[in-house]
Amino acid sequence: LEDLSSVRLPLETTIARQAALHRNQAHVLRMEKLQKVLGNPRRSLESHVESDLEFHATLADATGNPIFEIVLAPIQE
């Protein structure tokens, strides 16, 4: 887990920065919807996991760089 964290943190920081620069309104609306699920403690664990994966996939898509999605996919698995 430590090895994964040392790779994931700088990757996700870069993805978040690029997403902030290149996102569109659809990305923002999708992430807001997913954050509502993630912030709701009454939702199931399965719902939280699915929403978390989709949130990070949306961030990667929002970068406009398809390589981020390719690199992130095996980490999410």
Foldseek 3Di string as FASTA:
>chain_A
DVVLVVVPVVLLVVLQVLLVVQADPVLVVLLVVLVVQCPDPVHDPVSNLVSVVVNSLSSNVSSVDCVSNVVCVVVSD
